[in-house]
């Protein structure tokens, strides 16, 4: 198992904030995935670092589902935006 990427940490924070689990605790991955049509197993594996190589379609879909709060570049090893990308800019996704 690898180490979680910066994107996994950002996604966990997003899910905790926007999809709280009933009764408290960590956010609901299931609710997030249902709301955005994502595969819960894939998202769970990404969050737990069982999957460190992530499909580009999943990255694009996570970027869109979070409205850029978890940007596509956060899934790189260092989590940094390329120098030619304006922070806060939204790619044309969807």
N, C-alpha and C. Protein backbone atom coordinates (compact mmCIF):
# COMPACT_ATOMS: atom_id res chain seq x y z
N UNK A 1 0.85 -1.17 0.00
CA UNK A 1 0.00 0.00 0.00
C UNK A 1 0.89 1.24 0.00
N UNK A 2 0.55 2.23 -0.80
CA UNK A 2 1.34 3.44 -0.88
C UNK A 2 0.89 4.50 0.11
N UNK A 3 1.48 5.66 -0.02
CA UNK A 3 1.09 6.79 0.83
C UNK A 3 0.00 7.57 0.13
N UNK A 4 -0.95 8.12 0.91
CA UNK A 4 -2.01 8.92 0.29
C UNK A 4 -1.41 10.14 -0.42
N UNK A 5 -1.97 10.48 -1.55
CA UNK A 5 -1.53 11.68 -2.26
C UNK A 5 -2.15 12.90 -1.59
N UNK A 6 -1.64 14.10 -1.89
CA UNK A 6 -2.29 15.31 -1.39
C UNK A 6 -3.76 15.37 -1.80
N UNK A 7 -4.08 14.82 -2.97
CA UNK A 7 -5.47 14.81 -3.43
C UNK A 7 -6.36 13.99 -2.52
N UNK A 8 -5.85 12.87 -2.00
CA UNK A 8 -6.65 12.04 -1.10
C UNK A 8 -6.98 12.80 0.18
N UNK A 9 -6.02 13.53 0.71
CA UNK A 9 -6.27 14.33 1.92
C UNK A 9 -7.30 15.42 1.64
N UNK A 10 -7.17 16.09 0.50
CA UNK A 10 -8.13 17.13 0.14
C UNK A 10 -9.52 16.55 -0.07
N UNK A 11 -9.60 15.39 -0.71
CA UNK A 11 -10.89 14.77 -0.95
C UNK A 11 -11.54 14.35 0.36
N UNK A 12 -10.75 13.79 1.28
CA UNK A 12 -11.29 13.40 2.59
C UNK A 12 -11.87 14.63 3.30
N UNK A 13 -11.14 15.75 3.28
CA UNK A 13 -11.63 16.99 3.90
C UNK A 13 -12.93 17.44 3.24
N UNK A 14 -12.97 17.38 1.92
CA UNK A 14 -14.18 17.79 1.19
C UNK A 14 -15.37 16.92 1.57
N UNK A 15 -15.18 15.61 1.59
CA UNK A 15 -16.27 14.69 1.93
C UNK A 15 -16.74 14.93 3.37
N UNK A 16 -15.81 15.11 4.28
CA UNK A 16 -16.18 15.36 5.67
C UNK A 16 -17.02 16.64 5.80
N UNK A 17 -16.68 17.65 5.03
CA UNK A 17 -17.37 18.94 5.10
C UNK A 17 -18.73 18.92 4.41
N UNK A 18 -18.80 18.31 3.24
CA UNK A 18 -20.00 18.40 2.40
C UNK A 18 -20.93 17.18 2.46
N UNK A 19 -20.44 16.08 3.00
CA UNK A 19 -21.24 14.85 3.05
C UNK A 19 -21.07 14.19 4.42
N UNK A 20 -21.46 14.88 5.50
CA UNK A 20 -21.26 14.32 6.83
C UNK A 20 -22.03 13.01 7.02
N UNK A 21 -21.40 12.12 7.74
CA UNK A 21 -22.05 10.83 8.02
C UNK A 21 -23.11 11.01 9.10
N UNK A 22 -24.17 10.25 9.02
CA UNK A 22 -25.17 10.31 10.08
C UNK A 22 -24.53 9.94 11.42
N UNK A 23 -24.78 10.72 12.42
CA UNK A 23 -24.22 10.43 13.74
C UNK A 23 -22.82 10.96 13.95
N UNK A 24 -22.30 11.70 13.01
CA UNK A 24 -20.96 12.28 13.17
C UNK A 24 -19.87 11.37 12.62
N UNK A 25 -18.65 11.72 12.92
CA UNK A 25 -17.50 10.95 12.43
C UNK A 25 -17.11 11.41 11.03
N UNK A 26 -16.32 10.59 10.37
CA UNK A 26 -15.88 10.91 9.01
C UNK A 26 -17.07 11.04 8.08
N UNK A 27 -16.88 11.80 7.02
CA UNK A 27 -17.93 11.99 6.03
C UNK A 27 -18.28 10.69 5.32
N UNK A 28 -19.40 10.69 4.65
CA UNK A 28 -19.90 9.50 3.98
C UNK A 28 -19.40 9.42 2.54
N UNK A 29 -18.51 8.49 2.30
CA UNK A 29 -18.01 8.25 0.94
C UNK A 29 -19.18 7.81 0.06
N UNK A 30 -20.04 6.98 0.60
CA UNK A 30 -21.19 6.48 -0.16
C UNK A 30 -22.08 7.62 -0.61
N UNK A 31 -22.39 8.56 0.29
CA UNK A 31 -23.25 9.69 -0.07
C UNK A 31 -22.59 10.55 -1.14
N UNK A 32 -21.28 10.80 -1.00
CA UNK A 32 -20.55 11.59 -1.99
C UNK A 32 -20.61 10.90 -3.36
N UNK A 33 -20.34 9.61 -3.40
CA UNK A 33 -20.31 8.88 -4.66
C UNK A 33 -21.69 8.82 -5.31
N UNK A 34 -22.71 8.59 -4.52
CA UNK A 34 -24.08 8.58 -5.06
C UNK A 34 -24.45 9.94 -5.64
N UNK A 35 -24.10 11.00 -4.93
CA UNK A 35 -24.45 12.35 -5.37
C UNK A 35 -23.78 12.72 -6.69
N UNK A 36 -22.63 12.10 -6.97
CA UNK A 36 -21.86 12.49 -8.16
C UNK A 36 -21.67 11.36 -9.16
N UNK A 37 -22.35 10.24 -8.95
CA UNK A 37 -22.26 9.13 -9.91
C UNK A 37 -20.89 8.50 -10.00
N UNK A 38 -20.18 8.42 -8.87
CA UNK A 38 -18.84 7.85 -8.85
C UNK A 38 -18.86 6.46 -8.23
N UNK A 39 -17.88 5.65 -8.58
CA UNK A 39 -17.76 4.30 -8.05
C UNK A 39 -17.17 4.36 -6.64
N UNK A 40 -17.94 3.91 -5.65
CA UNK A 40 -17.52 3.99 -4.26
C UNK A 40 -16.25 3.18 -3.99
N UNK A 41 -16.13 2.03 -4.60
CA UNK A 41 -14.95 1.19 -4.38
C UNK A 41 -13.69 1.90 -4.85
N UNK A 42 -13.73 2.49 -6.04
CA UNK A 42 -12.56 3.21 -6.56
C UNK A 42 -12.19 4.38 -5.67
N UNK A 43 -13.20 5.15 -5.27
CA UNK A 43 -12.94 6.31 -4.41
C UNK A 43 -12.38 5.86 -3.07
N UNK A 44 -12.93 4.82 -2.49
CA UNK A 44 -12.43 4.30 -1.21
C UNK A 44 -10.98 3.86 -1.32
N UNK A 45 -10.65 3.20 -2.40
CA UNK A 45 -9.27 2.74 -2.60
C UNK A 45 -8.30 3.91 -2.75
N UNK A 46 -8.74 4.95 -3.42
CA UNK A 46 -7.91 6.15 -3.57
C UNK A 46 -7.68 6.79 -2.20
N UNK A 47 -8.74 6.90 -1.40
CA UNK A 47 -8.63 7.53 -0.08
C UNK A 47 -7.76 6.72 0.87
N UNK A 48 -7.78 5.41 0.75
CA UNK A 48 -7.00 4.56 1.67
C UNK A 48 -5.60 4.26 1.14
N UNK A 49 -5.27 4.81 0.00
CA UNK A 49 -3.96 4.62 -0.65
C UNK A 49 -3.77 3.19 -1.13
N UNK A 50 -4.85 2.43 -1.29
CA UNK A 50 -4.75 1.11 -1.92
C UNK A 50 -4.51 1.28 -3.41
N UNK A 51 -4.86 2.42 -3.91
CA UNK A 51 -4.63 2.72 -5.33
C UNK A 51 -3.89 4.05 -5.39
N UNK A 52 -2.64 4.03 -5.84
CA UNK A 52 -1.86 5.25 -5.95
C UNK A 52 -1.78 5.76 -7.39
N UNK A 53 -2.01 4.87 -8.33
CA UNK A 53 -2.12 5.30 -9.74
C UNK A 53 -3.60 5.45 -10.03
N UNK A 54 -3.97 6.66 -10.42
CA UNK A 54 -5.38 6.97 -10.55
C UNK A 54 -5.71 7.27 -12.00
N UNK A 55 -6.79 6.69 -12.47
CA UNK A 55 -7.28 6.89 -13.82
C UNK A 55 -7.57 8.37 -14.07
N UNK A 56 -7.19 8.87 -15.24
CA UNK A 56 -7.41 10.28 -15.58
C UNK A 56 -8.89 10.65 -15.57
N UNK A 57 -9.75 9.72 -15.97
CA UNK A 57 -11.19 10.01 -15.94
C UNK A 57 -11.68 10.21 -14.51
N UNK A 58 -11.19 9.40 -13.58
CA UNK A 58 -11.59 9.57 -12.18
C UNK A 58 -11.10 10.91 -11.65
N UNK A 59 -9.88 11.27 -11.97
CA UNK A 59 -9.34 12.57 -11.54
C UNK A 59 -10.21 13.70 -12.08
N UNK A 60 -10.54 13.65 -13.35
CA UNK A 60 -11.40 14.68 -13.95
C UNK A 60 -12.76 14.72 -13.25
N UNK A 61 -13.33 13.56 -12.99
CA UNK A 61 -14.64 13.49 -12.34
C UNK A 61 -14.60 14.00 -10.90
N UNK A 62 -13.52 13.71 -10.18
CA UNK A 62 -13.38 14.23 -8.82
C UNK A 62 -13.21 15.74 -8.83
N UNK A 63 -12.45 16.26 -9.77
CA UNK A 63 -12.29 17.71 -9.92
C UNK A 63 -13.65 18.36 -10.16
N UNK A 64 -14.43 17.77 -11.06
CA UNK A 64 -15.75 18.33 -11.37
C UNK A 64 -16.71 18.19 -10.19
N UNK A 65 -16.71 17.03 -9.54
CA UNK A 65 -17.63 16.79 -8.42
C UNK A 65 -17.38 17.74 -7.27
N UNK A 66 -16.14 18.13 -7.07
CA UNK A 66 -15.79 19.03 -5.97
C UNK A 66 -15.72 20.48 -6.42
N UNK A 67 -16.11 20.72 -7.66
CA UNK A 67 -16.07 22.07 -8.24
C UNK A 67 -14.69 22.71 -8.08
N UNK A 68 -13.67 21.89 -8.26
CA UNK A 68 -12.29 22.38 -8.23
C UNK A 68 -11.68 22.48 -6.85
N UNK A 69 -12.44 22.17 -5.79
CA UNK A 69 -11.85 22.21 -4.44
C UNK A 69 -10.78 21.13 -4.28
N UNK A 70 -10.92 20.05 -5.04
CA UNK A 70 -9.88 19.02 -5.11
C UNK A 70 -9.40 19.05 -6.56
N UNK A 71 -8.45 19.95 -6.87
CA UNK A 71 -8.03 20.14 -8.25
C UNK A 71 -7.27 18.94 -8.80
N UNK A 72 -7.31 18.82 -10.11
CA UNK A 72 -6.68 17.66 -10.75
C UNK A 72 -5.21 17.53 -10.39
N UNK A 73 -4.50 18.61 -10.21
CA UNK A 73 -3.07 18.51 -9.94
C UNK A 73 -2.78 18.03 -8.52
N UNK A 74 -3.77 18.01 -7.64
CA UNK A 74 -3.53 17.53 -6.28
C UNK A 74 -3.27 16.02 -6.25
N UNK A 75 -3.50 15.35 -7.36
CA UNK A 75 -3.27 13.91 -7.42
C UNK A 75 -1.85 13.58 -7.87
N UNK A 76 -1.03 14.58 -8.15
CA UNK A 76 0.37 14.34 -8.46
C UNK A 76 1.12 14.07 -7.16
N UNK A 77 2.31 13.57 -7.25
CA UNK A 77 3.08 13.22 -6.07
C UNK A 77 3.27 14.39 -5.12
N UNK A 78 3.57 15.57 -5.67
CA UNK A 78 3.81 16.73 -4.80
C UNK A 78 2.55 17.58 -4.58
N UNK A 79 1.50 17.33 -5.35
CA UNK A 79 0.24 18.05 -5.16
C UNK A 79 0.28 19.50 -5.60
N UNK A 80 1.32 19.88 -6.32
CA UNK A 80 1.48 21.26 -6.73
C UNK A 80 0.95 21.49 -8.15
N UNK A 81 0.37 22.67 -8.35
CA UNK A 81 -0.10 23.05 -9.68
C UNK A 81 1.10 23.28 -10.60
N UNK A 82 0.97 22.89 -11.86
CA UNK A 82 2.02 23.23 -12.82
C UNK A 82 2.17 24.75 -12.88
N UNK A 83 3.35 25.20 -13.21
CA UNK A 83 3.61 26.64 -13.21
C UNK A 83 2.78 27.39 -14.24
N UNK A 84 2.29 26.69 -15.27
CA UNK A 84 1.51 27.38 -16.30
C UNK A 84 0.00 27.32 -16.03
N UNK A 85 -0.40 26.86 -14.85
CA UNK A 85 -1.81 26.80 -14.48
C UNK A 85 -2.12 27.90 -13.48
N UNK A 86 -3.16 28.66 -13.75
CA UNK A 86 -3.57 29.71 -12.83
C UNK A 86 -4.39 29.06 -11.72
N UNK A 87 -3.99 29.24 -10.48
CA UNK A 87 -4.73 28.66 -9.36
C UNK A 87 -6.15 29.23 -9.34
N UNK A 88 -7.10 28.35 -9.11
CA UNK A 88 -8.49 28.76 -9.08
C UNK A 88 -9.17 28.67 -10.42
N UNK A 89 -8.38 28.53 -11.50
CA UNK A 89 -8.97 28.40 -12.82
C UNK A 89 -9.66 27.05 -12.94
N UNK A 90 -10.77 27.02 -13.59
CA UNK A 90 -11.53 25.79 -13.74
C UNK A 90 -11.39 25.27 -15.18
N UNK A 91 -10.97 24.00 -15.32
CA UNK A 91 -10.92 23.45 -16.67
C UNK A 91 -12.34 23.20 -17.17
N UNK A 92 -12.46 23.05 -18.43
CA UNK A 92 -13.77 22.78 -19.03
C UNK A 92 -14.01 21.29 -18.89
N UNK A 93 -14.78 20.89 -17.85
CA UNK A 93 -15.05 19.49 -17.60
C UNK A 93 -16.55 19.26 -17.63
N UNK A 94 -16.90 18.00 -17.87
CA UNK A 94 -18.30 17.64 -17.77
C UNK A 94 -18.97 17.47 -19.02
